[in-house]
PDB file of N, CA and C in Angstrom:
ATOM      1  N   MET A   1     137.658 -21.648 118.531  1.00  0.00           N
ATOM      2  CA  MET A   1     137.190 -22.097 117.236  1.00  0.00           C
ATOM      3  C   MET A   1     137.270 -20.930 116.250  1.00  0.00           C
ATOM      4  N   PRO A   2     137.892 -21.133 115.095  1.00  0.00           N
ATOM      5  CA  PRO A   2     137.998 -20.038 114.126  1.00  0.00           C
ATOM      6  C   PRO A   2     136.636 -19.676 113.549  1.00  0.00           C
ATOM      7  N   PRO A   3     136.503 -18.435 113.077  1.00  0.00           N
ATOM      8  CA  PRO A   3     135.223 -18.032 112.491  1.00  0.00           C
ATOM      9  C   PRO A   3     134.993 -18.753 111.169  1.00  0.00           C
ATOM     10  N   LYS A   4     133.742 -18.823 110.777  1.00  0.00           N
ATOM     11  CA  LYS A   4     133.414 -19.375 109.466  1.00  0.00           C
ATOM     12  C   LYS A   4     134.048 -18.470 108.415  1.00  0.00           C
ATOM     13  N   MET A   5     134.793 -19.063 107.498  1.00  0.00           N
ATOM     14  CA  MET A   5     135.512 -18.275 106.497  1.00  0.00           C
ATOM     15  C   MET A   5     134.652 -18.030 105.267  1.00  0.00           C
ATOM     16  N   THR A   6     133.592 -17.264 105.459  1.00  0.00           N
ATOM     17  CA  THR A   6     132.768 -16.859 104.325  1.00  0.00           C
ATOM     18  C   THR A   6     133.566 -15.885 103.472  1.00  0.00           C
ATOM     19  N   LEU A   7     133.091 -15.660 102.278  1.00  0.00           N
ATOM     20  CA  LEU A   7     133.731 -14.681 101.404  1.00  0.00           C
ATOM     21  C   LEU A   7     133.775 -13.318 102.090  1.00  0.00           C
ATOM     22  N   GLN A   8     132.687 -12.953 102.774  1.00  0.00           N
ATOM     23  CA  GLN A   8     132.629 -11.655 103.448  1.00  0.00           C
ATOM     24  C   GLN A   8     133.656 -11.568 104.576  1.00  0.00           C
ATOM     25  N   THR A   9     133.806 -12.644 105.347  1.00  0.00           N
ATOM     26  CA  THR A   9     134.800 -12.652 106.425  1.00  0.00           C
ATOM     27  C   THR A   9     136.199 -12.523 105.847  1.00  0.00           C
ATOM     28  N   GLN A  10     136.458 -13.216 104.754  1.00  0.00           N
ATOM     29  CA  GLN A  10     137.767 -13.114 104.110  1.00  0.00           C
ATOM     30  C   GLN A  10     138.045 -11.682 103.657  1.00  0.00           C
ATOM     31  N   LEU A  11     137.047 -11.033 103.075  1.00  0.00           N
ATOM     32  CA  LEU A  11     137.234  -9.657 102.603  1.00  0.00           C
ATOM     33  C   LEU A  11     137.516  -8.705 103.764  1.00  0.00           C
ATOM     34  N   VAL A  12     136.819  -8.890 104.874  1.00  0.00           N
ATOM     35  CA  VAL A  12     137.060  -8.049 106.053  1.00  0.00           C
ATOM     36  C   VAL A  12     138.468  -8.287 106.585  1.00  0.00           C
ATOM     37  N   LEU A  13     138.871  -9.545 106.708  1.00  0.00           N
ATOM     38  CA  LEU A  13     140.214  -9.840 107.212  1.00  0.00           C
ATOM     39  C   LEU A  13     141.288  -9.275 106.294  1.00  0.00           C
ATOM     40  N   ARG A  14     141.099  -9.407 105.005  1.00  0.00           N
ATOM     41  CA  ARG A  14     142.094  -8.872 104.070  1.00  0.00           C
ATOM     42  C   ARG A  14     142.177  -7.351 104.149  1.00  0.00           C
ATOM     43  N   ALA A  15     141.038  -6.702 104.329  1.00  0.00           N
ATOM     44  CA  ALA A  15     141.051  -5.241 104.485  1.00  0.00           C
ATOM     45  C   ALA A  15     141.836  -4.854 105.736  1.00  0.00           C
ATOM     46  N   LEU A  16     141.654  -5.593 106.810  1.00  0.00           N
ATOM     47  CA  LEU A  16     142.378  -5.305 108.051  1.00  0.00           C
ATOM     48  C   LEU A  16     143.862  -5.644 107.926  1.00  0.00           C
ATOM     49  N   LEU A  17     144.188  -6.677 107.168  1.00  0.00           N
ATOM     50  CA  LEU A  17     145.590  -7.082 107.006  1.00  0.00           C
ATOM     51  C   LEU A  17     146.387  -6.147 106.100  1.00  0.00           C
ATOM     52  N   GLU A  18     145.713  -5.304 105.334  1.00  0.00           N
ATOM     53  CA  GLU A  18     146.460  -4.366 104.481  1.00  0.00           C
ATOM     54  C   GLU A  18     147.368  -3.478 105.322  1.00  0.00           C
ATOM     55  N   HIS A  19     146.904  -3.092 106.490  1.00  0.00           N
ATOM     56  CA  HIS A  19     147.689  -2.284 107.432  1.00  0.00           C
ATOM     57  C   HIS A  19     147.372  -2.801 108.829  1.00  0.00           C
ATOM     58  N   PRO A  20     147.979  -3.913 109.252  1.00  0.00           N
ATOM     59  CA  PRO A  20     147.548  -4.591 110.473  1.00  0.00           C
ATOM     60  C   PRO A  20     147.655  -3.774 111.758  1.00  0.00           C
ATOM     61  N   ALA A  21     148.533  -2.803 111.828  1.00  0.00           N
ATOM     62  CA  ALA A  21     148.675  -2.016 113.058  1.00  0.00           C
ATOM     63  C   ALA A  21     147.789  -0.774 113.056  1.00  0.00           C
ATOM     64  N   ARG A  22     147.173  -0.471 111.940  1.00  0.00           N
ATOM     65  CA  ARG A  22     146.370   0.750 111.815  1.00  0.00           C
ATOM     66  C   ARG A  22     144.949   0.523 112.324  1.00  0.00           C
ATOM     67  N   GLU A  23     144.422   1.506 113.024  1.00  0.00           N
ATOM     68  CA  GLU A  23     143.031   1.453 113.461  1.00  0.00           C
ATOM     69  C   GLU A  23     142.133   1.958 112.336  1.00  0.00           C
ATOM     70  N   LEU A  24     141.058   1.228 112.088  1.00  0.00           N
ATOM     71  CA  LEU A  24     140.081   1.612 111.073  1.00  0.00           C
ATOM     72  C   LEU A  24     138.701   1.610 111.707  1.00  0.00           C
ATOM     73  N   TYR A  25     137.861   2.550 111.294  1.00  0.00           N
ATOM     74  CA  TYR A  25     136.484   2.518 111.782  1.00  0.00           C
ATOM     75  C   TYR A  25     135.619   1.786 110.760  1.00  0.00           C
ATOM     76  N   GLY A  26     134.401   1.465 111.170  1.00  0.00           N
ATOM     77  CA  GLY A  26     133.535   0.600 110.374  1.00  0.00           C
ATOM     78  C   GLY A  26     133.378   0.991 108.923  1.00  0.00           C
ATOM     79  N   LEU A  27     133.128   2.272 108.650  1.00  0.00           N
ATOM     80  CA  LEU A  27     132.931   2.700 107.266  1.00  0.00           C
ATOM     81  C   LEU A  27     134.200   2.495 106.439  1.00  0.00           C
ATOM     82  N   GLN A  28     135.369   2.729 107.018  1.00  0.00           N
ATOM     83  CA  GLN A  28     136.621   2.503 106.295  1.00  0.00           C
ATOM     84  C   GLN A  28     136.778   1.023 105.939  1.00  0.00           C
ATOM     85  N   ILE A  29     136.463   0.150 106.891  1.00  0.00           N
ATOM     86  CA  ILE A  29     136.557  -1.292 106.640  1.00  0.00           C
ATOM     87  C   ILE A  29     135.541  -1.693 105.577  1.00  0.00           C
ATOM     88  N   SER A  30     134.346  -1.155 105.684  1.00  0.00           N
ATOM     89  CA  SER A  30     133.285  -1.429 104.717  1.00  0.00           C
ATOM     90  C   SER A  30     133.731  -1.062 103.303  1.00  0.00           C
ATOM     91  N   GLN A  31     134.297   0.122 103.154  1.00  0.00           N
ATOM     92  CA  GLN A  31     134.744   0.580 101.836  1.00  0.00           C
ATOM     93  C   GLN A  31     135.912  -0.258 101.325  1.00  0.00           C
ATOM     94  N   ALA A  32     136.873  -0.570 102.199  1.00  0.00           N
ATOM     95  CA  ALA A  32     138.035  -1.362 101.780  1.00  0.00           C
ATOM     96  C   ALA A  32     137.629  -2.779 101.378  1.00  0.00           C
ATOM     97  N   ALA A  33     136.637  -3.331 102.062  1.00  0.00           N
ATOM     98  CA  ALA A  33     136.192  -4.696 101.774  1.00  0.00           C
ATOM     99  C   ALA A  33     135.145  -4.745 100.666  1.00  0.00           C
ATOM    100  N   GLY A  34     134.558  -3.596 100.333  1.00  0.00           N
ATOM    101  CA  GLY A  34     133.512  -3.564  99.321  1.00  0.00           C
ATOM    102  C   GLY A  34     132.205  -4.177  99.802  1.00  0.00           C
ATOM    103  N   LEU A  35     131.941  -4.042 101.104  1.00  0.00           N
ATOM    104  CA  LEU A  35     130.741  -4.622 101.705  1.00  0.00           C
ATOM    105  C   LEU A  35     129.946  -3.550 102.432  1.00  0.00           C
ATOM    106  N   ALA A  36     128.664  -3.789 102.603  1.00  0.00           N
ATOM    107  CA  ALA A  36     127.810  -2.862 103.346  1.00  0.00           C
ATOM    108  C   ALA A  36     128.170  -2.885 104.831  1.00  0.00           C
ATOM    109  N   THR A  37     127.981  -1.751 105.490  1.00  0.00           N
ATOM    110  CA  THR A  37     128.301  -1.684 106.923  1.00  0.00           C
ATOM    111  C   THR A  37     127.464  -2.678 107.721  1.00  0.00           C
ATOM    112  N   GLY A  38     126.236  -2.912 107.307  1.00  0.00           N
ATOM    113  CA  GLY A  38     125.399  -3.885 108.002  1.00  0.00           C
ATOM    114  C   GLY A  38     125.911  -5.308 107.884  1.00  0.00           C
ATOM    115  N   THR A  39     126.741  -5.559 106.893  1.00  0.00           N
ATOM    116  CA  THR A  39     127.350  -6.873 106.712  1.00  0.00           C
ATOM    117  C   THR A  39     128.598  -7.018 107.566  1.00  0.00           C
ATOM    118  N   ILE A  40     129.389  -5.958 107.662  1.00  0.00           N
ATOM    119  CA  ILE A  40     130.680  -6.098 108.350  1.00  0.00           C
ATOM    120  C   ILE A  40     130.571  -6.073 109.868  1.00  0.00           C
ATOM    121  N   HIS A  41     129.588  -5.369 110.419  1.00  0.00           N
ATOM    122  CA  HIS A  41     129.548  -5.235 111.880  1.00  0.00           C
ATOM    123  C   HIS A  41     129.346  -6.564 112.609  1.00  0.00           C
ATOM    124  N   PRO A  42     128.489  -7.471 112.148  1.00  0.00           N
ATOM    125  CA  PRO A  42     128.429  -8.779 112.812  1.00  0.00           C
ATOM    126  C   PRO A  42     129.744  -9.556 112.691  1.00  0.00           C
ATOM    127  N   ILE A  43     130.422  -9.412 111.567  1.00  0.00           N
ATOM    128  CA  ILE A  43     131.718 -10.075 111.380  1.00  0.00           C
ATOM    129  C   ILE A  43     132.733  -9.499 112.357  1.00  0.00           C
ATOM    130  N   LEU A  44     132.778  -8.175 112.469  1.00  0.00           N
ATOM    131  CA  LEU A  44     133.701  -7.536 113.409  1.00  0.00           C
ATOM    132  C   LEU A  44     133.417  -7.979 114.843  1.00  0.00           C
ATOM    133  N   ALA A  45     132.142  -8.078 115.202  1.00  0.00           N
ATOM    134  CA  ALA A  45     131.778  -8.518 116.558  1.00  0.00           C
ATOM    135  C   ALA A  45     132.260  -9.946 116.810  1.00  0.00           C
ATOM    136  N   ARG A  46     132.091 -10.834 115.822  1.00  0.00           N
ATOM    137  CA  ARG A  46     132.564 -12.220 115.971  1.00  0.00           C
ATOM    138  C   ARG A  46     134.076 -12.263 116.133  1.00  0.00           C
ATOM    139  N   LEU A  47     134.786 -11.514 115.284  1.00  0.00           N
ATOM    140  CA  LEU A  47     136.247 -11.516 115.341  1.00  0.00           C
ATOM    141  C   LEU A  47     136.755 -10.935 116.658  1.00  0.00           C
ATOM    142  N   GLU A  48     136.078  -9.916 117.148  1.00  0.00           N
ATOM    143  CA  GLU A  48     136.476  -9.344 118.436  1.00  0.00           C
ATOM    144  C   GLU A  48     136.211 -10.339 119.563  1.00  0.00           C
ATOM    145  N   GLY A  49     135.100 -11.047 119.497  1.00  0.00           N
ATOM    146  CA  GLY A  49     134.784 -12.062 120.503  1.00  0.00           C
ATOM    147  C   GLY A  49     135.810 -13.180 120.552  1.00  0.00           C
ATOM    148  N   LEU A  50     136.433 -13.460 119.420  1.00  0.00           N
ATOM    149  CA  LEU A  50     137.484 -14.483 119.349  1.00  0.00           C
ATOM    150  C   LEU A  50     138.848 -13.953 119.786  1.00  0.00           C
ATOM    151  N   GLY A  51     138.937 -12.642 120.007  1.00  0.00           N
ATOM    152  CA  GLY A  51     140.216 -12.051 120.385  1.00  0.00           C
ATOM    153  C   GLY A  51     141.089 -11.689 119.198  1.00  0.00           C
ATOM    154  N   TRP A  52     140.550 -11.792 117.994  1.00  0.00           N
ATOM    155  CA  TRP A  52     141.320 -11.450 116.800  1.00  0.00           C
ATOM    156  C   TRP A  52     141.402  -9.947 116.598  1.00  0.00           C
ATOM    157  N   LEU A  53     140.419  -9.216 117.118  1.00  0.00           N
ATOM    158  CA  LEU A  53     140.366  -7.761 116.979  1.00  0.00           C
ATOM    159  C   LEU A  53     140.347  -7.100 118.342  1.00  0.00           C
ATOM    160  N   GLU A  54     140.859  -5.886 118.351  1.00  0.00           N
ATOM    161  CA  GLU A  54     140.723  -4.993 119.496  1.00  0.00           C
ATOM    162  C   GLU A  54     139.931  -3.798 118.993  1.00  0.00           C
ATOM    163  N   SER A  55     139.129  -3.201 119.869  1.00  0.00           N
ATOM    164  CA  SER A  55     138.376  -2.024 119.444  1.00  0.00           C
ATOM    165  C   SER A  55     138.342  -1.002 120.564  1.00  0.00           C
ATOM    166  N   ARG A  56     138.055   0.221 120.165  1.00  0.00           N
ATOM    167  CA  ARG A  56     137.895   1.305 121.135  1.00  0.00           C
ATOM    168  C   ARG A  56     136.959   2.335 120.531  1.00  0.00           C
ATOM    169  N   TRP A  57     136.255   3.028 121.411  1.00  0.00           N
ATOM    170  CA  TRP A  57     135.399   4.125 120.970  1.00  0.00           C
ATOM    171  C   TRP A  57     136.209   5.403 120.911  1.00  0.00           C
ATOM    172  N   GLU A  58     135.972   6.171 119.899  1.00  0.00           N
ATOM    173  CA  GLU A  58     136.601   7.474 119.726  1.00  0.00           C
ATOM    174  C   GLU A  58     136.211   8.377 120.898  1.00  0.00           C
ATOM    175  N   ASP A  59     137.172   9.134 121.388  1.00  0.00           N
ATOM    176  CA  ASP A  59     136.937  10.023 122.528  1.00  0.00           C
ATOM    177  C   ASP A  59     136.633  11.432 122.020  1.00  0.00           C
ATOM    178  N   ILE A  60     135.372  11.640 121.630  1.00  0.00           N
ATOM    179  CA  ILE A  60     134.935  12.957 121.161  1.00  0.00           C
ATOM    180  C   ILE A  60     133.585  13.276 121.792  1.00  0.00           C
ATOM    181  N   ASP A  61     133.193  14.520 121.693  1.00  0.00           N
ATOM    182  CA  ASP A  61     131.840  14.932 122.069  1.00  0.00           C
ATOM    183  C   ASP A  61     131.036  15.002 120.773  1.00  0.00           C
ATOM    184  N   PRO A  62     130.090  14.085 120.579  1.00  0.00           N
ATOM    185  CA  PRO A  62     129.326  14.073 119.328  1.00  0.00           C
ATOM    186  C   PRO A  62     128.623  15.395 119.029  1.00  0.00           C
ATOM    187  N   ALA A  63     128.166  16.092 120.062  1.00  0.00           N
ATOM    188  CA  ALA A  63     127.481  17.376 119.841  1.00  0.00           C
ATOM    189  C   ALA A  63     128.449  18.411 119.285  1.00  0.00           C
ATOM    190  N   THR A  64     129.665  18.421 119.796  1.00  0.00           N
ATOM    191  CA  THR A  64     130.678  19.364 119.323  1.00  0.00           C
ATOM    192  C   THR A  64     131.126  19.023 117.905  1.00  0.00           C
ATOM    193  N   GLU A  65     131.335  17.742 117.653  1.00  0.00           N
ATOM    194  CA  GLU A  65     131.830  17.295 116.344  1.00  0.00           C
ATOM    195  C   GLU A  65     130.733  17.250 115.284  1.00  0.00           C
ATOM    196  N   GLY A  66     129.487  17.179 115.716  1.00  0.00           N
ATOM    197  CA  GLY A  66     128.384  17.114 114.761  1.00  0.00           C
ATOM    198  C   GLY A  66     128.234  15.765 114.086  1.00  0.00           C
ATOM    199  N   ARG A  67     128.720  14.726 114.737  1.00  0.00           N
ATOM    200  CA  ARG A  67     128.608  13.361 114.209  1.00  0.00           C
ATOM    201  C   ARG A  67     128.740  12.375 115.370  1.00  0.00           C
ATOM    202  N   PRO A  68     128.287  11.145 115.167  1.00  0.00           N
ATOM    203  CA  PRO A  68     128.429  10.137 116.223  1.00  0.00           C
ATOM    204  C   PRO A  68     129.892   9.736 116.422  1.00  0.00           C
ATOM    205  N   ARG A  69     130.168   9.176 117.588  1.00  0.00           N
ATOM    206  CA  ARG A  69     131.510   8.630 117.829  1.00  0.00           C
ATOM    207  C   ARG A  69     131.745   7.444 116.901  1.00  0.00           C
ATOM    208  N   ARG A  70     132.997   7.243 116.562  1.00  0.00           N
ATOM    209  CA  ARG A  70     133.372   6.101 115.732  1.00  0.00           C
ATOM    210  C   ARG A  70     133.983   5.029 116.624  1.00  0.00           C
ATOM    211  N   ARG A  71     133.754   3.795 116.243  1.00  0.00           N
ATOM    212  CA  ARG A  71     134.413   2.685 116.917  1.00  0.00           C
ATOM    213  C   ARG A  71     135.549   2.236 116.014  1.00  0.00           C
ATOM    214  N   TYR A  72     136.756   2.245 116.554  1.00  0.00           N
ATOM    215  CA  TYR A  72     137.942   1.874 115.793  1.00  0.00           C
ATOM    216  C   TYR A  72     138.326   0.431 116.081  1.00  0.00           C
ATOM    217  N   TYR A  73     138.745  -0.272 115.038  1.00  0.00           N
ATOM    218  CA  TYR A  73     139.141  -1.675 115.132  1.00  0.00           C
ATOM    219  C   TYR A  73     140.555  -1.838 114.593  1.00  0.00           C
ATOM    220  N   ARG A  74     141.247  -2.814 115.146  1.00  0.00           N
ATOM    221  CA  ARG A  74     142.518  -3.242 114.560  1.00  0.00           C
ATOM    222  C   ARG A  74     142.765  -4.679 114.983  1.00  0.00           C
ATOM    223  N   LEU A  75     143.559  -5.363 114.207  1.00  0.00           N
ATOM    224  CA  LEU A  75     143.896  -6.744 114.527  1.00  0.00           C
ATOM    225  C   LEU A  75     144.774  -6.784 115.767  1.00  0.00           C
ATOM    226  N   SER A  76     144.503  -7.726 116.649  1.00  0.00           N
ATOM    227  CA  SER A  76     145.393  -7.954 117.784  1.00  0.00           C
ATOM    228  C   SER A  76     146.633  -8.663 117.242  1.00  0.00           C
ATOM    229  N   PRO A  77     147.738  -8.683 117.986  1.00  0.00           N
ATOM    230  CA  PRO A  77     148.922  -9.394 117.482  1.00  0.00           C
ATOM    231  C   PRO A  77     148.614 -10.859 117.136  1.00  0.00           C
ATOM    232  N   ASP A  78     147.914 -11.552 118.030  1.00  0.00           N
ATOM    233  CA  ASP A  78     147.535 -12.935 117.729  1.00  0.00           C
ATOM    234  C   ASP A  78     146.525 -12.989 116.590  1.00  0.00           C
ATOM    235  N   GLY A  79     145.645 -11.998 116.540  1.00  0.00           N
ATOM    236  CA  GLY A  79     144.620 -11.960 115.506  1.00  0.00           C
ATOM    237  C   GLY A  79     145.208 -11.873 114.111  1.00  0.00           C
ATOM    238  N   ALA A  80     146.271 -11.103 113.962  1.00  0.00           N
ATOM    239  CA  ALA A  80     146.918 -10.988 112.652  1.00  0.00           C
ATOM    240  C   ALA A  80     147.458 -12.346 112.210  1.00  0.00           C
ATOM    241  N   GLN A  81     148.069 -13.071 113.137  1.00  0.00           N
ATOM    242  CA  GLN A  81     148.582 -14.410 112.812  1.00  0.00           C
ATOM    243  C   GLN A  81     147.438 -15.358 112.469  1.00  0.00           C
ATOM    244  N   HIS A  82     146.397 -15.343 113.293  1.00  0.00           N
ATOM    245  CA  HIS A  82     145.234 -16.204 113.043  1.00  0.00           C
ATOM    246  C   HIS A  82     144.600 -15.870 111.693  1.00  0.00           C
ATOM    247  N   ALA A  83     144.490 -14.589 111.391  1.00  0.00           N
ATOM    248  CA  ALA A  83     143.863 -14.167 110.135  1.00  0.00           C
ATOM    249  C   ALA A  83     144.663 -14.665 108.937  1.00  0.00           C
ATOM    250  N   ARG A  84     145.964 -14.501 108.988  1.00  0.00           N
ATOM    251  CA  ARG A  84     146.798 -14.971 107.866  1.00  0.00           C
ATOM    252  C   ARG A  84     146.645 -16.479 107.672  1.00  0.00           C
ATOM    253  N   HIS A  85     146.694 -17.213 108.785  1.00  0.00           N
ATOM    254  CA  HIS A  85     146.564 -18.671 108.702  1.00  0.00           C
ATOM    255  C   HIS A  85     145.181 -19.066 108.168  1.00  0.00           C
ATOM    256  N   ALA A  86     144.148 -18.439 108.691  1.00  0.00           N
ATOM    257  CA  ALA A  86     142.784 -18.763 108.254  1.00  0.00           C
ATOM    258  C   ALA A  86     142.600 -18.477 106.768  1.00  0.00           C
ATOM    259  N   LEU A  87     143.163 -17.383 106.299  1.00  0.00           N
ATOM    260  CA  LEU A  87     143.038 -17.042 104.880  1.00  0.00           C
ATOM    261  C   LEU A  87     143.846 -17.996 104.013  1.00  0.00           C
ATOM    262  N   ASP A  88     144.998 -18.421 104.515  1.00  0.00           N
ATOM    263  CA  ASP A  88     145.815 -19.380 103.766  1.00  0.00           C
ATOM    264  C   ASP A  88     145.096 -20.712 103.581  1.00  0.00           C
ATOM    265  N   THR A  89     144.299 -21.087 104.579  1.00  0.00           N
ATOM    266  CA  THR A  89     143.649 -22.395 104.545  1.00  0.00           C
ATOM    267  C   THR A  89     142.166 -22.323 104.192  1.00  0.00           C
ATOM    268  N   ALA A  90     141.682 -21.160 103.804  1.00  0.00           N
ATOM    269  CA  ALA A  90     140.259 -20.996 103.479  1.00  0.00           C
ATOM    270  C   ALA A  90     139.874 -21.909 102.322  1.00  0.00           C
ATOM    271  N   ARG A  91     138.703 -22.492 102.414  1.00  0.00           N
ATOM    272  CA  ARG A  91     138.225 -23.396 101.356  1.00  0.00           C
ATOM    273  C   ARG A  91     137.747 -22.647 100.126  1.00  0.00           C
ATOM    274  N   THR A  92     137.379 -21.390 100.310  1.00  0.00           N
ATOM    275  CA  THR A  92     136.916 -20.570  99.191  1.00  0.00           C
ATOM    276  C   THR A  92     137.906 -19.434  99.003  1.00  0.00           C
ATOM    277  N   PRO A  93     138.985 -19.670  98.255  1.00  0.00           N
ATOM    278  CA  PRO A  93     139.966 -18.605  98.074  1.00  0.00           C
ATOM    279  C   PRO A  93     139.385 -17.445  97.273  1.00  0.00           C
ATOM    280  N   LEU A  94     139.863 -16.254  97.584  1.00  0.00           N
ATOM    281  CA  LEU A  94     139.376 -15.060  96.902  1.00  0.00           C
ATOM    282  C   LEU A  94     139.894 -14.945  95.478  1.00  0.00           C
ATOM    283  N   THR A  95     141.072 -15.445  95.220  1.00  0.00           N
ATOM    284  CA  THR A  95     141.664 -15.307  93.899  1.00  0.00           C
ATOM    285  C   THR A  95     140.747 -15.922  92.852  1.00  0.00           C
ATOM    286  N   GLY A  96     140.413 -15.151  91.861  1.00  0.00           N
ATOM    287  CA  GLY A  96     139.577 -15.619  90.773  1.00  0.00           C
ATOM    288  C   GLY A  96     138.087 -15.435  90.999  1.00  0.00           C
ATOM    289  N   LEU A  97     137.669 -15.179  92.231  1.00  0.00           N
ATOM    290  CA  LEU A  97     136.244 -15.002  92.507  1.00  0.00           C
ATOM    291  C   LEU A  97     135.763 -13.594  92.218  1.00  0.00           C
ATOM    292  N   LEU A  98     136.635 -12.630  92.428  1.00  0.00           N
ATOM    293  CA  LEU A  98     136.231 -11.238  92.284  1.00  0.00           C
ATOM    294  C   LEU A  98     136.988 -10.590  91.143  1.00  0.00           C
ATOM    295  N   PRO A  99     136.302 -10.206  90.085  1.00  0.00           N
ATOM    296  CA  PRO A  99     136.986  -9.557  88.973  1.00  0.00           C
ATOM    297  C   PRO A  99     137.634  -8.259  89.427  1.00  0.00           C
ATOM    298  N   GLY A 100     138.838  -8.039  88.986  1.00  0.00           N
ATOM    299  CA  GLY A 100     139.527  -6.791  89.298  1.00  0.00           C
ATOM    300  C   GLY A 100     140.209  -6.775  90.647  1.00  0.00           C
ATOM    301  N   LEU A 101     140.161  -7.879  91.397  1.00  0.00           N
ATOM    302  CA  LEU A 101     140.828  -7.920  92.695  1.00  0.00           C
ATOM    303  C   LEU A 101     142.329  -7.867  92.469  1.00  0.00           C
ATOM    304  N   ARG A 102     142.970  -6.918  93.138  1.00  0.00           N
ATOM    305  CA  ARG A 102     144.414  -6.777  92.985  1.00  0.00           C
ATOM    306  C   ARG A 102     145.112  -8.057  93.439  1.00  0.00           C
ATOM    307  N   PRO A 103     146.137  -8.514  92.716  1.00  0.00           N
ATOM    308  CA  PRO A 103     146.842  -9.730  93.118  1.00  0.00           C
ATOM    309  C   PRO A 103     147.434  -9.620  94.518  1.00  0.00           C
ATOM    310  N   ASP A 104     147.949  -8.446  94.900  1.00  0.00           N
ATOM    311  CA  ASP A 104     148.544  -8.321  96.232  1.00  0.00           C
ATOM    312  C   ASP A 104     147.472  -8.364  97.311  1.00  0.00           C
ATOM    313  N   PHE A 105     146.225  -8.010  96.979  1.00  0.00           N
ATOM    314  CA  PHE A 105     145.130  -8.067  97.944  1.00  0.00           C
ATOM    315  C   PHE A 105     144.643  -9.503  98.090  1.00  0.00           C
ATOM    316  N   ALA A 106     144.878 -10.324  97.078  1.00  0.00           N
ATOM    317  CA  ALA A 106     144.407 -11.703  97.102  1.00  0.00           C
ATOM    318  C   ALA A 106     145.345 -12.628  97.857  1.00  0.00           C
ATOM    319  N   SER A 107     146.516 -12.155  98.250  1.00  0.00           N
ATOM    320  CA  SER A 107     147.413 -12.997  99.030  1.00  0.00           C
ATOM    321  C   SER A 107     147.570 -12.408 100.419  1.00  0.00           C
ATOM    322  N   PRO A 108     147.375 -13.221 101.470  1.00  0.00           N
ATOM    323  CA  PRO A 108     147.437 -12.707 102.830  1.00  0.00           C
ATOM    324  C   PRO A 108     148.742 -11.988 103.114  1.00  0.00           C
ATOM    325  N   GLY A 109     148.618 -10.783 103.614  1.00  0.00           N
ATOM    326  CA  GLY A 109     149.788 -10.004 103.984  1.00  0.00           C
ATOM    327  C   GLY A 109     150.544  -9.450 102.802  1.00  0.00           C
ATOM    328  N   GLY A 110     150.033  -9.624 101.595  1.00  0.00           N
ATOM    329  CA  GLY A 110     150.736  -9.195 100.397  1.00  0.00           C
ATOM    330  C   GLY A 110     150.930  -7.704 100.303  1.00  0.00           C
ATOM    331  N   ALA A 111     149.997  -6.934 100.863  1.00  0.00           N
ATOM    332  CA  ALA A 111     150.104  -5.483 100.750  1.00  0.00           C
ATOM    333  C   ALA A 111     150.506  -4.849 102.056  1.00  0.00           C
ATOM    334  N   GLY A 112     150.700  -5.624 103.092  1.00  0.00           N
ATOM    335  CA  GLY A 112     150.923  -5.056 104.409  1.00  0.00           C
ATOM    336  C   GLY A 112     152.334  -4.940 104.720  1.00  0.00           C
TER     337      GLY A 112
END
């Protein structure tokens, strides 16, 4: 069953589709989508549970690096296809809802 296509889910998917093969950590996705990290993490968990995303923990020693490990996400091959289709058929399209949204960001795969 596809995830509920809320505006927030659409923004997260579009941020991931900008560079579908690139791994991004939560804060990067948050900034690209313009959403708080507390908003995106439940969305990322849902998408990963559906198999749309793959994730991995960064292999560092937090004490040495002086920061926590990051969890990296990227769209799975099937996930990228599902995301494009879901965005194409979303009932609440992003175009026109967000002032200043780049036209290429408002079309699935437009910038990728």
